[in-house]
């Protein structure tokens, strides 16, 4: 997974368990990890907007 500085900061806001679930979904759906974290409810729309 390639991450930018903003994405790295965002990933610091989620737990390892949340990241693990999001990575499983990402593998299945091939979407951006940031969007998947948001869709799963692990980050807010405000947090998502700061990195997009």
C-alpha atoms as a PDB file:
ATOM      1  CA  UNK A   1       0.000   0.000   0.000  1.00  0.00           C
ATOM      2  CA  UNK A   2       1.462   3.346  -1.038  1.00  0.00           C
ATOM      3  CA  UNK A   3       0.709   6.155   1.388  1.00  0.00           C
ATOM      4  CA  UNK A   4       1.154   9.903   1.257  1.00  0.00           C
ATOM      5  CA  UNK A   5       2.014  12.019   4.296  1.00  0.00           C
ATOM      6  CA  UNK A   6      -1.663  12.979   4.746  1.00  0.00           C
ATOM      7  CA  UNK A   7      -2.718   9.349   4.521  1.00  0.00           C
ATOM      8  CA  UNK A   8      -0.077   8.398   7.071  1.00  0.00           C
ATOM      9  CA  UNK A   9      -1.486  10.987   9.476  1.00  0.00           C
ATOM     10  CA  UNK A  10      -4.999   9.679   8.872  1.00  0.00           C
ATOM     11  CA  UNK A  11      -3.969   6.088   9.486  1.00  0.00           C
ATOM     12  CA  UNK A  12      -2.653   7.174  12.880  1.00  0.00           C
ATOM     13  CA  UNK A  13      -6.275   7.917  13.828  1.00  0.00           C
ATOM     14  CA  UNK A  14      -7.525   4.362  13.353  1.00  0.00           C
ATOM     15  CA  UNK A  15      -6.760   1.233  15.322  1.00  0.00           C
ATOM     16  CA  UNK A  16      -4.790  -1.670  13.939  1.00  0.00           C
ATOM     17  CA  UNK A  17      -7.985  -3.755  13.989  1.00  0.00           C
ATOM     18  CA  UNK A  18      -9.851  -1.132  11.943  1.00  0.00           C
ATOM     19  CA  UNK A  19      -6.990  -0.929   9.474  1.00  0.00           C
ATOM     20  CA  UNK A  20      -6.946  -4.715   9.147  1.00  0.00           C
ATOM     21  CA  UNK A  21     -10.668  -4.800   8.332  1.00  0.00           C
ATOM     22  CA  UNK A  22     -10.277  -1.943   5.844  1.00  0.00           C
ATOM     23  CA  UNK A  23      -7.381  -3.700   4.125  1.00  0.00           C
ATOM     24  CA  UNK A  24      -9.484  -6.861   3.712  1.00  0.00           C
ATOM     25  CA  UNK A  25     -12.245  -4.802   2.106  1.00  0.00           C
ATOM     26  CA  UNK A  26      -9.703  -2.958  -0.048  1.00  0.00           C
ATOM     27  CA  UNK A  27      -8.303  -6.245  -1.317  1.00  0.00           C
ATOM     28  CA  UNK A  28     -11.806  -7.341  -2.313  1.00  0.00           C
ATOM     29  CA  UNK A  29     -12.995  -4.023  -3.775  1.00  0.00           C
ATOM     30  CA  UNK A  30      -9.722  -2.444  -4.994  1.00  0.00           C
ATOM     31  CA  UNK A  31     -10.684   1.016  -3.696  1.00  0.00           C
ATOM     32  CA  UNK A  32      -8.656   3.742  -1.993  1.00  0.00           C
ATOM     33  CA  UNK A  33      -8.041   2.908   1.666  1.00  0.00           C
ATOM     34  CA  UNK A  34      -9.194   6.390   2.710  1.00  0.00           C
ATOM     35  CA  UNK A  35     -12.632   5.917   1.127  1.00  0.00           C
ATOM     36  CA  UNK A  36     -12.973   2.451   2.592  1.00  0.00           C
ATOM     37  CA  UNK A  37     -12.124   3.713   6.082  1.00  0.00           C
ATOM     38  CA  UNK A  38     -14.825   6.367   5.667  1.00  0.00           C
ATOM     39  CA  UNK A  39     -17.401   3.938   4.259  1.00  0.00           C
ATOM     40  CA  UNK A  40     -16.821   1.619   7.200  1.00  0.00           C
ATOM     41  CA  UNK A  41     -17.363   4.530   9.598  1.00  0.00           C
ATOM     42  CA  UNK A  42     -13.808   4.497  10.937  1.00  0.00           C
ATOM     43  CA  UNK A  43     -13.146   8.133   9.952  1.00  0.00           C
ATOM     44  CA  UNK A  44     -15.392  11.156   9.621  1.00  0.00           C
ATOM     45  CA  UNK A  45     -16.162  13.086   6.461  1.00  0.00           C
ATOM     46  CA  UNK A  46     -14.084  15.965   7.886  1.00  0.00           C
ATOM     47  CA  UNK A  47     -11.073  13.676   8.328  1.00  0.00           C
ATOM     48  CA  UNK A  48     -11.585  12.305   4.827  1.00  0.00           C
ATOM     49  CA  UNK A  49     -11.782  15.816   3.360  1.00  0.00           C
ATOM     50  CA  UNK A  50      -8.455  16.787   4.893  1.00  0.00           C
ATOM     51  CA  UNK A  51      -6.614  14.156   2.889  1.00  0.00           C
ATOM     52  CA  UNK A  52      -8.426  14.278  -0.443  1.00  0.00           C
END
